[in-house]
Amino acid sequence: MKKAFLLGMVLATVALPGVALADDPNDPAMRSSAARARDREAIRQLNLREAARVRERDARYAQGWADTRAYGAGSRGGYDDDGGANASYARSRAQYERELASWRHAVAACQAGNYDYCAR
């Protein structure tokens, strides 16, 4: 643990000077207005490319959600009205409730002294 912390501190110390110089207002390369204009244009182009990429991604997401909604509305998710997921869930839930009631009855009978129910 101590070695990992020490290694992290060393890496942070090594990386810090590079981060500190990333936006240096006194950078000699940025003293001319032409250099600042080139830098500004490069950043603008990067931002435009990223915005286009995000718009394309969001359009794909929107299309995927529209397809999902259309599929769910048109076919009820692949289940018919006379059965399907809801009926299957209802059957499973009813079976669970019956088994739970039987178990509770056995516990109550065991606790009441009917030891035949204790082995279940």
N, C-alpha and C. Protein backbone atom coordinates (compact mmCIF):
# COMPACT_ATOMS: atom_id res chain seq x y z
N MET A 1 0.82 -1.18 0.00
CA MET A 1 0.00 0.00 0.00
C MET A 1 0.87 1.25 0.00
N LYS A 2 1.92 1.22 0.84
CA LYS A 2 2.79 2.38 0.95
C LYS A 2 3.57 2.58 -0.36
N LYS A 3 3.97 1.47 -1.00
CA LYS A 3 4.70 1.57 -2.26
C LYS A 3 3.82 2.15 -3.36
N ALA A 4 2.56 1.74 -3.38
CA ALA A 4 1.64 2.25 -4.39
C ALA A 4 1.40 3.75 -4.19
N PHE A 5 1.27 4.17 -2.95
CA PHE A 5 1.08 5.59 -2.66
C PHE A 5 2.31 6.39 -3.09
N LEU A 6 3.47 5.85 -2.76
CA LEU A 6 4.72 6.51 -3.12
C LEU A 6 4.87 6.60 -4.63
N LEU A 7 4.54 5.54 -5.33
CA LEU A 7 4.61 5.54 -6.78
C LEU A 7 3.64 6.56 -7.37
N GLY A 8 2.46 6.66 -6.80
CA GLY A 8 1.48 7.64 -7.26
C GLY A 8 1.97 9.06 -7.05
N MET A 9 2.60 9.30 -5.92
CA MET A 9 3.13 10.64 -5.65
C MET A 9 4.26 10.99 -6.63
N VAL A 10 5.12 10.02 -6.95
CA VAL A 10 6.20 10.26 -7.89
C VAL A 10 5.64 10.56 -9.27
N LEU A 11 4.66 9.79 -9.71
CA LEU A 11 4.05 10.03 -11.01
C LEU A 11 3.36 11.38 -11.07
N ALA A 12 2.68 11.76 -10.01
CA ALA A 12 2.01 13.06 -9.96
C ALA A 12 3.03 14.18 -10.02
N THR A 13 4.14 14.02 -9.33
CA THR A 13 5.18 15.04 -9.33
C THR A 13 5.82 15.18 -10.71
N VAL A 14 6.02 14.07 -11.40
CA VAL A 14 6.61 14.11 -12.73
C VAL A 14 5.64 14.74 -13.73
N ALA A 15 4.36 14.45 -13.61
CA ALA A 15 3.37 14.94 -14.55
C ALA A 15 2.98 16.39 -14.30
N LEU A 16 3.15 16.88 -13.11
CA LEU A 16 2.70 18.22 -12.74
C LEU A 16 3.31 19.33 -13.58
N PRO A 17 4.62 19.35 -13.85
CA PRO A 17 5.16 20.44 -14.67
C PRO A 17 4.55 20.51 -16.06
N GLY A 18 4.27 19.39 -16.68
CA GLY A 18 3.64 19.37 -18.00
C GLY A 18 2.23 19.95 -17.96
N VAL A 19 1.50 19.65 -16.93
CA VAL A 19 0.15 20.18 -16.78
C VAL A 19 0.20 21.67 -16.53
N ALA A 20 1.16 22.11 -15.73
CA ALA A 20 1.25 23.53 -15.39
C ALA A 20 1.60 24.37 -16.61
N LEU A 21 2.33 23.83 -17.57
CA LEU A 21 2.72 24.59 -18.75
C LEU A 21 1.71 24.48 -19.88
N ALA A 22 0.67 23.71 -19.71
CA ALA A 22 -0.28 23.49 -20.79
C ALA A 22 -0.99 24.77 -21.20
N ASP A 23 -1.28 25.66 -20.28
CA ASP A 23 -2.02 26.88 -20.59
C ASP A 23 -1.25 28.11 -20.12
N ASP A 24 0.03 28.13 -20.35
CA ASP A 24 0.88 29.21 -19.87
C ASP A 24 0.64 30.48 -20.69
N PRO A 25 0.13 31.55 -20.07
CA PRO A 25 -0.09 32.79 -20.82
C PRO A 25 1.21 33.46 -21.26
N ASN A 26 2.31 33.11 -20.66
CA ASN A 26 3.60 33.69 -21.02
C ASN A 26 4.40 32.80 -21.96
N ASP A 27 3.75 31.86 -22.60
CA ASP A 27 4.42 30.95 -23.53
C ASP A 27 5.01 31.75 -24.69
N PRO A 28 6.31 31.63 -24.93
CA PRO A 28 6.93 32.43 -25.99
C PRO A 28 6.37 32.11 -27.38
N ALA A 29 5.88 30.90 -27.58
CA ALA A 29 5.34 30.52 -28.89
C ALA A 29 4.01 31.22 -29.17
N MET A 30 3.35 31.75 -28.16
CA MET A 30 2.04 32.37 -28.33
C MET A 30 2.11 33.90 -28.24
N ARG A 31 3.25 34.47 -28.41
CA ARG A 31 3.38 35.93 -28.28
C ARG A 31 2.84 36.67 -29.49
N SER A 32 2.94 36.09 -30.67
CA SER A 32 2.46 36.79 -31.87
C SER A 32 0.95 36.55 -32.03
N SER A 33 0.29 37.53 -32.60
CA SER A 33 -1.15 37.40 -32.81
C SER A 33 -1.45 36.32 -33.84
N ALA A 34 -0.57 36.09 -34.80
CA ALA A 34 -0.77 35.04 -35.80
C ALA A 34 -0.74 33.66 -35.14
N ALA A 35 0.17 33.46 -34.19
CA ALA A 35 0.25 32.18 -33.48
C ALA A 35 -1.00 31.95 -32.65
N ARG A 36 -1.48 33.00 -32.00
CA ARG A 36 -2.70 32.87 -31.20
C ARG A 36 -3.90 32.58 -32.10
N ALA A 37 -3.94 33.20 -33.26
CA ALA A 37 -5.04 32.96 -34.21
C ALA A 37 -5.00 31.51 -34.71
N ARG A 38 -3.79 31.01 -35.04
CA ARG A 38 -3.67 29.60 -35.47
C ARG A 38 -4.13 28.66 -34.36
N ASP A 39 -3.71 28.96 -33.14
CA ASP A 39 -4.10 28.14 -31.99
C ASP A 39 -5.62 28.17 -31.80
N ARG A 40 -6.19 29.38 -31.89
CA ARG A 40 -7.64 29.54 -31.73
C ARG A 40 -8.39 28.75 -32.80
N GLU A 41 -7.91 28.80 -34.06
CA GLU A 41 -8.55 28.08 -35.15
C GLU A 41 -8.42 26.56 -34.97
N ALA A 42 -7.26 26.11 -34.51
CA ALA A 42 -7.08 24.67 -34.27
C ALA A 42 -8.05 24.19 -33.20
N ILE A 43 -8.20 24.96 -32.15
CA ILE A 43 -9.12 24.58 -31.08
C ILE A 43 -10.56 24.61 -31.59
N ARG A 44 -10.88 25.62 -32.42
CA ARG A 44 -12.23 25.70 -32.97
C ARG A 44 -12.54 24.48 -33.83
N GLN A 45 -11.57 24.06 -34.66
CA GLN A 45 -11.77 22.88 -35.51
C GLN A 45 -11.96 21.61 -34.67
N LEU A 46 -11.16 21.49 -33.61
CA LEU A 46 -11.32 20.34 -32.71
C LEU A 46 -12.71 20.34 -32.09
N ASN A 47 -13.17 21.50 -31.65
CA ASN A 47 -14.51 21.59 -31.05
C ASN A 47 -15.60 21.27 -32.06
N LEU A 48 -15.46 21.74 -33.30
CA LEU A 48 -16.46 21.44 -34.34
C LEU A 48 -16.50 19.95 -34.64
N ARG A 49 -15.33 19.31 -34.74
CA ARG A 49 -15.29 17.86 -35.00
C ARG A 49 -15.94 17.08 -33.86
N GLU A 50 -15.64 17.50 -32.64
CA GLU A 50 -16.22 16.80 -31.49
C GLU A 50 -17.74 17.00 -31.44
N ALA A 51 -18.20 18.20 -31.74
CA ALA A 51 -19.64 18.47 -31.76
C ALA A 51 -20.33 17.62 -32.83
N ALA A 52 -19.71 17.48 -34.00
CA ALA A 52 -20.29 16.63 -35.05
C ALA A 52 -20.34 15.17 -34.60
N ARG A 53 -19.27 14.73 -33.96
CA ARG A 53 -19.25 13.34 -33.48
C ARG A 53 -20.35 13.10 -32.45
N VAL A 54 -20.55 14.05 -31.56
CA VAL A 54 -21.59 13.92 -30.53
C VAL A 54 -22.98 13.94 -31.18
N ARG A 55 -23.18 14.80 -32.18
CA ARG A 55 -24.49 14.84 -32.86
C ARG A 55 -24.78 13.51 -33.53
N GLU A 56 -23.78 12.93 -34.20
CA GLU A 56 -23.97 11.62 -34.86
C GLU A 56 -24.28 10.54 -33.83
N ARG A 57 -23.55 10.55 -32.72
CA ARG A 57 -23.80 9.57 -31.66
C ARG A 57 -25.20 9.71 -31.11
N ASP A 58 -25.61 10.94 -30.83
CA ASP A 58 -26.94 11.16 -30.28
C ASP A 58 -28.03 10.77 -31.26
N ALA A 59 -27.80 10.98 -32.56
CA ALA A 59 -28.77 10.57 -33.56
C ALA A 59 -28.91 9.04 -33.58
N ARG A 60 -27.77 8.33 -33.45
CA ARG A 60 -27.84 6.86 -33.38
C ARG A 60 -28.61 6.41 -32.14
N TYR A 61 -28.33 7.05 -31.00
CA TYR A 61 -29.06 6.71 -29.78
C TYR A 61 -30.55 6.96 -29.96
N ALA A 62 -30.90 8.11 -30.53
CA ALA A 62 -32.32 8.45 -30.71
C ALA A 62 -32.99 7.43 -31.62
N GLN A 63 -32.30 7.02 -32.69
CA GLN A 63 -32.88 6.02 -33.59
C GLN A 63 -33.05 4.68 -32.87
N GLY A 64 -32.09 4.32 -32.06
CA GLY A 64 -32.21 3.06 -31.31
C GLY A 64 -33.38 3.09 -30.34
N TRP A 65 -33.56 4.22 -29.65
CA TRP A 65 -34.70 4.32 -28.73
C TRP A 65 -36.02 4.33 -29.49
N ALA A 66 -36.06 4.98 -30.65
CA ALA A 66 -37.29 4.99 -31.45
C ALA A 66 -37.62 3.57 -31.91
N ASP A 67 -36.60 2.82 -32.34
CA ASP A 67 -36.82 1.43 -32.76
C ASP A 67 -37.33 0.59 -31.60
N THR A 68 -36.76 0.80 -30.42
CA THR A 68 -37.19 0.05 -29.25
C THR A 68 -38.64 0.34 -28.91
N ARG A 69 -39.01 1.62 -28.94
CA ARG A 69 -40.41 1.98 -28.64
C ARG A 69 -41.35 1.40 -29.69
N ALA A 70 -40.97 1.45 -30.96
CA ALA A 70 -41.82 0.93 -32.03
C ALA A 70 -41.98 -0.58 -31.89
N TYR A 71 -40.92 -1.27 -31.55
CA TYR A 71 -40.98 -2.72 -31.38
C TYR A 71 -41.89 -3.07 -30.21
N GLY A 72 -41.72 -2.36 -29.10
CA GLY A 72 -42.53 -2.65 -27.91
C GLY A 72 -43.99 -2.34 -28.12
N ALA A 73 -44.31 -1.27 -28.85
CA ALA A 73 -45.71 -0.90 -29.08
C ALA A 73 -46.37 -1.82 -30.09
N GLY A 74 -45.61 -2.26 -31.10
CA GLY A 74 -46.21 -3.06 -32.16
C GLY A 74 -46.44 -4.51 -31.80
N SER A 75 -45.54 -5.10 -31.05
CA SER A 75 -45.67 -6.54 -30.82
C SER A 75 -45.70 -6.90 -29.34
N ARG A 76 -45.86 -5.94 -28.48
CA ARG A 76 -45.90 -6.17 -27.03
C ARG A 76 -44.67 -6.93 -26.56
N GLY A 77 -43.54 -6.64 -27.17
CA GLY A 77 -42.29 -7.25 -26.71
C GLY A 77 -42.18 -8.72 -27.05
N GLY A 78 -42.93 -9.19 -28.02
CA GLY A 78 -42.83 -10.58 -28.43
C GLY A 78 -43.78 -11.52 -27.69
N TYR A 79 -44.69 -10.99 -26.89
CA TYR A 79 -45.63 -11.83 -26.15
C TYR A 79 -47.04 -11.58 -26.67
N ASP A 80 -47.82 -12.63 -26.70
CA ASP A 80 -49.21 -12.51 -27.15
C ASP A 80 -50.09 -12.04 -26.01
N ASP A 81 -51.30 -11.61 -26.36
CA ASP A 81 -52.24 -11.15 -25.33
C ASP A 81 -52.78 -12.31 -24.49
N ASP A 82 -52.87 -13.49 -25.04
CA ASP A 82 -53.44 -14.63 -24.30
C ASP A 82 -52.34 -15.50 -23.71
N GLY A 83 -51.59 -14.99 -22.82
CA GLY A 83 -50.48 -15.72 -22.21
C GLY A 83 -49.37 -14.73 -21.98
N GLY A 84 -48.23 -15.00 -22.52
CA GLY A 84 -47.14 -14.03 -22.47
C GLY A 84 -46.51 -13.91 -21.11
N ALA A 85 -45.79 -12.83 -20.96
CA ALA A 85 -44.99 -12.62 -19.75
C ALA A 85 -45.85 -12.42 -18.52
N ASN A 86 -46.93 -11.66 -18.65
CA ASN A 86 -47.76 -11.38 -17.48
C ASN A 86 -48.42 -12.65 -16.93
N ALA A 87 -48.93 -13.49 -17.82
CA ALA A 87 -49.56 -14.73 -17.37
C ALA A 87 -48.52 -15.67 -16.76
N SER A 88 -47.35 -15.74 -17.37
CA SER A 88 -46.28 -16.58 -16.85
C SER A 88 -45.86 -16.10 -15.46
N TYR A 89 -45.74 -14.81 -15.31
CA TYR A 89 -45.38 -14.25 -14.00
C TYR A 89 -46.47 -14.55 -12.98
N ALA A 90 -47.73 -14.41 -13.38
CA ALA A 90 -48.84 -14.67 -12.46
C ALA A 90 -48.83 -16.13 -12.00
N ARG A 91 -48.56 -17.05 -12.94
CA ARG A 91 -48.50 -18.47 -12.56
C ARG A 91 -47.34 -18.73 -11.60
N SER A 92 -46.18 -18.17 -11.90
CA SER A 92 -45.02 -18.36 -11.03
C SER A 92 -45.27 -17.76 -9.65
N ARG A 93 -45.88 -16.60 -9.62
CA ARG A 93 -46.15 -15.94 -8.34
C ARG A 93 -47.16 -16.75 -7.52
N ALA A 94 -48.20 -17.30 -8.17
CA ALA A 94 -49.19 -18.11 -7.46
C ALA A 94 -48.55 -19.37 -6.89
N GLN A 95 -47.66 -20.01 -7.66
CA GLN A 95 -46.95 -21.20 -7.18
C GLN A 95 -46.09 -20.84 -5.97
N TYR A 96 -45.39 -19.72 -6.04
CA TYR A 96 -44.56 -19.25 -4.93
C TYR A 96 -45.42 -19.02 -3.68
N GLU A 97 -46.57 -18.38 -3.85
CA GLU A 97 -47.45 -18.11 -2.72
C GLU A 97 -47.95 -19.42 -2.08
N ARG A 98 -48.27 -20.43 -2.92
CA ARG A 98 -48.72 -21.72 -2.38
C ARG A 98 -47.60 -22.39 -1.58
N GLU A 99 -46.38 -22.37 -2.14
CA GLU A 99 -45.26 -22.98 -1.43
C GLU A 99 -44.94 -22.24 -0.13
N LEU A 100 -45.04 -20.93 -0.14
CA LEU A 100 -44.80 -20.14 1.06
C LEU A 100 -45.84 -20.44 2.13
N ALA A 101 -47.11 -20.55 1.72
CA ALA A 101 -48.18 -20.87 2.68
C ALA A 101 -47.95 -22.26 3.29
N SER A 102 -47.54 -23.21 2.45
CA SER A 102 -47.28 -24.56 2.94
C SER A 102 -46.12 -24.55 3.94
N TRP A 103 -45.07 -23.82 3.65
CA TRP A 103 -43.93 -23.73 4.54
C TRP A 103 -44.32 -23.08 5.87
N ARG A 104 -45.09 -22.01 5.79
CA ARG A 104 -45.53 -21.34 7.02
C ARG A 104 -46.40 -22.26 7.88
N HIS A 105 -47.26 -23.05 7.23
CA HIS A 105 -48.10 -24.01 7.96
C HIS A 105 -47.22 -25.04 8.66
N ALA A 106 -46.18 -25.53 7.94
CA ALA A 106 -45.28 -26.53 8.52
C ALA A 106 -44.52 -25.94 9.71
N VAL A 107 -44.07 -24.70 9.61
CA VAL A 107 -43.34 -24.06 10.71
C VAL A 107 -44.25 -23.91 11.92
N ALA A 108 -45.49 -23.46 11.68
CA ALA A 108 -46.43 -23.28 12.79
C ALA A 108 -46.74 -24.62 13.46
N ALA A 109 -46.93 -25.66 12.65
CA ALA A 109 -47.23 -26.98 13.21
C ALA A 109 -46.04 -27.51 14.01
N CYS A 110 -44.84 -27.31 13.50
CA CYS A 110 -43.64 -27.77 14.21
C CYS A 110 -43.51 -27.05 15.54
N GLN A 111 -43.71 -25.74 15.51
CA GLN A 111 -43.59 -24.96 16.74
C GLN A 111 -44.69 -25.30 17.74
N ALA A 112 -45.83 -25.81 17.23
CA ALA A 112 -46.93 -26.21 18.11
C ALA A 112 -46.71 -27.59 18.71
N GLY A 113 -45.68 -28.29 18.29
CA GLY A 113 -45.36 -29.59 18.89
C GLY A 113 -45.59 -30.76 17.97
N ASN A 114 -46.09 -30.57 16.76
CA ASN A 114 -46.28 -31.65 15.81
C ASN A 114 -44.96 -31.83 15.07
N TYR A 115 -44.11 -32.71 15.59
CA TYR A 115 -42.73 -32.82 15.12
C TYR A 115 -42.61 -33.51 13.77
N ASP A 116 -43.70 -34.06 13.24
CA ASP A 116 -43.67 -34.62 11.89
C ASP A 116 -43.39 -33.51 10.86
N TYR A 117 -43.82 -32.31 11.16
CA TYR A 117 -43.62 -31.19 10.23
C TYR A 117 -42.21 -30.58 10.33
N CYS A 118 -41.46 -30.90 11.35
CA CYS A 118 -40.15 -30.29 11.56
C CYS A 118 -39.11 -30.79 10.57
N ALA A 119 -39.29 -31.94 10.01
CA ALA A 119 -38.30 -32.55 9.12
C ALA A 119 -38.42 -32.04 7.70
N ARG A 120 -39.40 -31.26 7.38
CA ARG A 120 -39.61 -30.79 5.99
C ARG A 120 -38.62 -29.80 5.56
